[in-house]
Protein backbone atom coordinates (compact mmCIF):
# COMPACT_ATOMS: atom_id res chain seq x y z
CA MET A 1 10.69 -8.09 75.55
CA ASP A 2 12.19 -11.31 74.05
CA VAL A 3 14.76 -12.64 76.57
CA SER A 4 15.13 -16.05 74.95
CA GLY A 5 18.88 -17.02 75.04
CA HIS A 6 19.90 -13.82 76.85
CA ASP A 7 19.28 -15.28 80.33
CA THR A 8 21.90 -17.99 79.64
CA ASP A 9 24.43 -15.49 78.22
CA ILE A 10 24.01 -13.14 81.12
CA SER A 11 24.45 -15.96 83.67
CA GLN A 12 27.55 -17.12 81.94
CA ILE A 13 29.14 -13.68 82.07
CA ALA A 14 27.94 -13.08 85.61
CA ALA A 15 29.50 -16.41 86.65
CA ALA A 16 32.87 -15.46 85.05
CA ILE A 17 32.94 -12.14 86.95
CA ALA A 18 31.66 -13.56 90.18
CA GLU A 19 34.67 -15.77 91.09
CA PRO A 20 36.77 -13.62 93.55
CA ALA A 21 40.15 -14.16 91.88
CA ARG A 22 38.72 -13.27 88.41
CA THR A 23 37.00 -10.19 90.00
CA ARG A 24 40.35 -9.01 91.35
CA MET A 25 42.01 -9.51 87.97
CA LEU A 26 39.28 -7.49 86.11
CA CYS A 27 39.30 -4.72 88.73
CA SER A 28 43.07 -4.41 88.45
CA LEU A 29 42.83 -3.98 84.64
CA MET A 30 40.41 -1.01 85.10
CA ASP A 31 43.56 1.26 85.17
CA GLY A 32 43.91 0.67 81.46
CA HIS A 33 47.31 -1.09 81.86
CA ALA A 34 47.95 -4.58 80.30
CA ARG A 35 49.47 -7.08 82.68
CA THR A 36 51.06 -10.50 82.43
CA SER A 37 49.47 -13.71 83.83
CA THR A 38 52.19 -13.72 86.50
CA GLU A 39 51.35 -10.19 87.61
CA LEU A 40 47.60 -11.03 87.65
CA ALA A 41 48.31 -14.22 89.61
CA VAL A 42 49.92 -12.13 92.44
CA ILE A 43 46.98 -9.64 92.26
CA ALA A 44 44.41 -12.48 92.33
CA GLN A 45 46.41 -14.27 95.13
CA VAL A 46 46.41 -17.50 93.22
CA GLY A 47 49.16 -19.76 91.63
CA THR A 48 50.30 -19.20 88.16
CA SER A 49 48.53 -22.28 86.67
CA THR A 50 45.26 -21.23 88.43
CA ALA A 51 45.63 -17.68 87.06
CA SER A 52 46.10 -19.07 83.54
CA ALA A 53 42.93 -21.01 83.83
CA HIS A 54 41.01 -17.94 85.02
CA LEU A 55 42.35 -15.92 82.20
CA ALA A 56 41.43 -18.50 79.70
CA ARG A 57 37.84 -18.33 80.99
CA LEU A 58 37.77 -14.53 80.93
CA LYS A 59 39.15 -14.55 77.40
CA GLU A 60 36.70 -17.12 76.27
CA ASP A 61 33.78 -15.10 77.51
CA GLY A 62 35.03 -11.89 75.86
CA LEU A 63 36.01 -9.99 79.07
CA VAL A 64 39.70 -9.76 78.47
CA LYS A 65 41.93 -9.83 75.38
CA LEU A 66 45.44 -11.19 74.84
CA HIS A 67 48.34 -9.18 73.42
CA VAL A 68 51.40 -11.13 72.31
CA GLN A 69 54.68 -9.33 71.92
CA GLY A 70 57.49 -11.68 71.18
CA ARG A 71 57.82 -14.06 74.08
CA HIS A 72 55.66 -11.87 76.28
CA ARG A 73 51.81 -12.24 76.71
CA TYR A 74 49.78 -9.41 78.23
CA TYR A 75 46.20 -9.28 79.12
CA SER A 76 43.84 -6.15 79.19
CA LEU A 77 40.12 -5.58 79.43
CA ALA A 78 38.45 -6.45 76.10
CA ASP A 79 37.04 -2.94 75.55
CA ASP A 80 35.24 0.05 77.17
CA HIS A 81 31.90 -1.82 77.33
CA VAL A 82 33.53 -4.27 79.84
CA ALA A 83 34.96 -1.37 81.85
CA ARG A 84 31.61 0.38 82.03
CA ALA A 85 29.89 -2.85 83.18
CA ILE A 86 32.41 -3.32 85.97
CA GLU A 87 32.10 0.30 87.10
CA ALA A 88 28.39 -0.18 87.19
CA LEU A 89 28.71 -3.32 89.24
CA MET A 90 30.83 -1.39 91.72
CA VAL A 91 27.97 1.02 92.13
CA ILE A 92 25.52 -1.76 92.74
CA SER A 93 27.82 -3.47 95.23
CA LYS A 94 28.02 -0.24 97.25
CA ILE A 95 24.26 0.14 97.22
CA ALA A 96 23.78 -3.44 98.26
CA THR A 97 26.32 -3.41 101.15
CA PRO A 98 24.48 -2.33 104.32
CA ARG A 99 27.63 -1.16 106.06
CA PHE A 100 28.66 1.27 103.28
CA VAL A 101 28.72 4.81 104.61
CA PRO A 102 29.94 7.62 102.22
CA THR A 103 33.06 9.21 103.58
CA ALA A 104 35.31 12.07 102.46
CA PRO A 105 36.92 10.93 99.19
CA ASP A 106 40.26 9.25 99.53
CA ARG A 107 42.89 9.40 96.75
CA LEU A 108 41.20 6.78 94.64
CA GLN A 109 37.78 8.29 94.95
CA PHE A 110 39.01 11.80 94.11
CA ALA A 111 40.48 10.83 90.74
CA ARG A 112 41.18 7.51 89.07
CA THR A 113 41.21 5.94 85.69
CA CYS A 114 38.13 4.01 84.48
CA TYR A 115 39.68 1.89 81.74
CA ASP A 116 40.84 4.68 79.35
CA HIS A 117 39.01 7.69 80.79
CA MET A 118 38.86 9.61 84.03
CA ALA A 119 36.58 8.82 87.04
CA GLY A 120 36.00 10.05 90.53
CA THR A 121 35.11 13.38 92.02
CA LEU A 122 37.24 15.29 89.59
CA ALA A 123 35.84 13.56 86.56
CA VAL A 124 32.20 14.15 87.71
CA ARG A 125 32.84 17.81 88.32
CA LEU A 126 34.38 18.13 84.84
CA HIS A 127 31.33 16.28 83.35
CA ASP A 128 29.03 18.70 85.13
CA PHE A 129 30.93 21.65 83.82
CA PHE A 130 30.72 20.33 80.17
CA ILE A 131 26.95 19.96 80.56
CA GLU A 132 26.33 23.29 82.38
CA SER A 133 28.44 25.17 79.85
CA ALA A 134 26.51 23.54 77.04
CA TRP A 135 29.64 22.05 75.61
CA LEU A 136 27.83 18.71 75.65
CA VAL A 137 24.12 18.10 75.14
CA THR A 138 22.14 14.89 75.42
CA ALA A 139 21.63 13.25 72.11
CA ALA A 140 18.12 12.92 70.75
CA SER A 141 18.53 9.18 70.50
CA GLY A 142 18.07 8.89 74.26
CA ASP A 143 20.70 6.14 74.47
CA GLY A 144 22.98 8.01 76.93
CA MET A 145 25.06 9.52 74.20
CA TYR A 146 26.19 13.11 74.13
CA GLN A 147 26.61 15.53 71.18
CA LEU A 148 29.47 18.11 71.25
CA THR A 149 28.24 21.58 70.52
CA LEU A 150 30.16 24.14 68.45
CA ASP A 151 31.31 25.96 71.59
CA GLY A 152 32.42 22.68 73.08
CA GLU A 153 34.30 21.72 69.98
CA LYS A 154 36.03 25.01 69.83
CA ALA A 155 37.11 24.87 73.48
CA LEU A 156 38.35 21.26 73.32
CA THR A 157 40.05 21.74 69.97
CA GLY A 158 41.81 24.62 71.68
CA LEU A 159 43.15 22.15 74.25
CA GLY A 160 44.76 20.06 71.45
CA ILE A 161 42.00 17.44 71.25
CA GLU A 162 41.47 16.31 67.59
CA ILE A 163 37.72 16.07 67.46
CA GLU A 164 37.31 14.73 63.88
CA THR A 165 39.92 11.94 64.49
CA LEU A 166 37.85 10.87 67.59
CA ARG A 167 34.64 10.89 65.63
CA ALA A 168 36.17 8.61 63.03
CA GLN A 169 36.86 5.84 65.48
CA ARG A 170 34.64 2.89 65.62
CA ARG A 171 33.35 3.28 69.13
CA ARG A 172 31.18 5.58 71.16
CA PHE A 173 32.23 9.23 70.81
CA ALA A 174 30.88 10.66 74.10
CA CYS A 175 28.61 9.10 76.74
CA GLY A 176 27.99 9.11 80.45
CA CYS A 177 29.51 6.38 82.63
CA LEU A 178 27.95 5.94 86.12
CA ASP A 179 30.67 6.64 88.77
CA TRP A 180 30.86 4.10 91.60
CA SER A 181 32.13 6.60 94.18
CA MET A 182 29.97 9.60 93.20
CA ARG A 183 27.03 7.66 91.79
CA ARG A 184 26.71 10.23 89.08
CA PRO A 185 28.00 10.27 85.51
CA HIS A 186 31.55 11.00 84.38
CA LEU A 187 32.51 11.38 80.76
CA ALA A 188 33.39 8.21 78.76
CA GLY A 189 33.88 7.32 75.11
CA THR A 190 36.65 8.43 72.78
CA LEU A 191 36.20 12.05 74.01
CA GLY A 192 36.60 11.03 77.64
CA ALA A 193 39.72 9.00 76.80
CA ALA A 194 41.24 11.94 74.87
CA PHE A 195 40.57 14.33 77.66
CA LEU A 196 42.43 12.09 80.09
CA GLN A 197 45.41 11.74 77.70
CA MET A 198 45.46 15.49 77.21
CA SER A 199 45.44 16.04 81.00
CA ILE A 200 48.33 13.69 81.42
CA ALA A 201 50.32 15.23 78.48
CA ARG A 202 49.74 18.74 79.88
CA GLN A 203 50.71 17.48 83.38
CA TRP A 204 47.43 18.40 84.94
CA VAL A 205 47.31 14.93 86.46
CA THR A 206 49.89 12.15 87.07
CA GLN A 207 48.99 8.49 86.64
CA ASP A 208 50.13 5.80 89.07
CA LEU A 209 51.85 2.77 87.59
CA ASP A 210 50.52 0.32 90.20
CA SER A 211 46.99 1.55 90.78
CA ARG A 212 44.07 3.48 89.22
CA ALA A 213 44.79 6.54 91.21
CA LEU A 214 45.42 9.85 89.45
CA GLY A 215 47.20 12.73 91.21
CA LEU A 216 46.20 16.34 90.65
CA THR A 217 49.32 18.55 90.24
CA ALA A 218 49.71 22.13 91.20
CA LYS A 219 49.60 23.12 87.50
CA GLY A 220 46.40 21.05 87.07
CA ARG A 221 44.80 22.65 90.05
CA LYS A 222 45.50 26.10 88.59
CA GLU A 223 44.32 25.14 85.05
CA LEU A 224 41.06 23.62 86.46
CA GLY A 225 40.34 26.82 88.28
CA SER A 226 41.06 29.25 85.53
CA ARG A 227 39.53 27.15 82.68
CA PHE A 228 36.65 25.40 84.25
CA GLY A 229 36.01 27.17 87.55
CA ILE A 230 36.69 23.94 89.42
CA VAL A 231 38.47 24.61 92.68
CA PHE A 232 39.94 22.01 95.10
């Protein structure tokens, strides 16, 4: 394997993430919301000028992107690849922490956003259902991608998810994303994002404005049981 040049690139990105204030900023953006530098300064527990310097570094390294709307400037994660990398680092950090002991899931571990898709116990259970029901099958390419079967397409189209529109987007359609709390895959890609938006639109889950947590509604609990045999 030719690693020439990649060692420096990896070190640079790792250094950008490793600074505690920048780590807090990146983790806060995992809920999919864009935030101002002032908001991120509060989250990172640093001054506004320091926050601006941190955000400039993160933007330069391609970890966040800037959105300008009139006089307002907002920051979000650059894309789903960054979100998946941070989620994976969360898994590694739990494995590497000797005092970590798995406990009954709290609200964040039960259901949360992972950038633009769903994560946590609920998301892993849904991922398992999709696989066990043969709605999704592992792609022959062996790169962690999934293919949607005819049964899966029919079922998800019935929920209002526009499959062909998702396939036309210039990003991964369906893939596994290792969940930091469950240490098993949940569904990512445009299909995972669409399923989360559908769940919010149908009021199966509610999304917190100030955290990554998702709340399962009474309607959602009923629908999960009747449609997917998932009972909580």
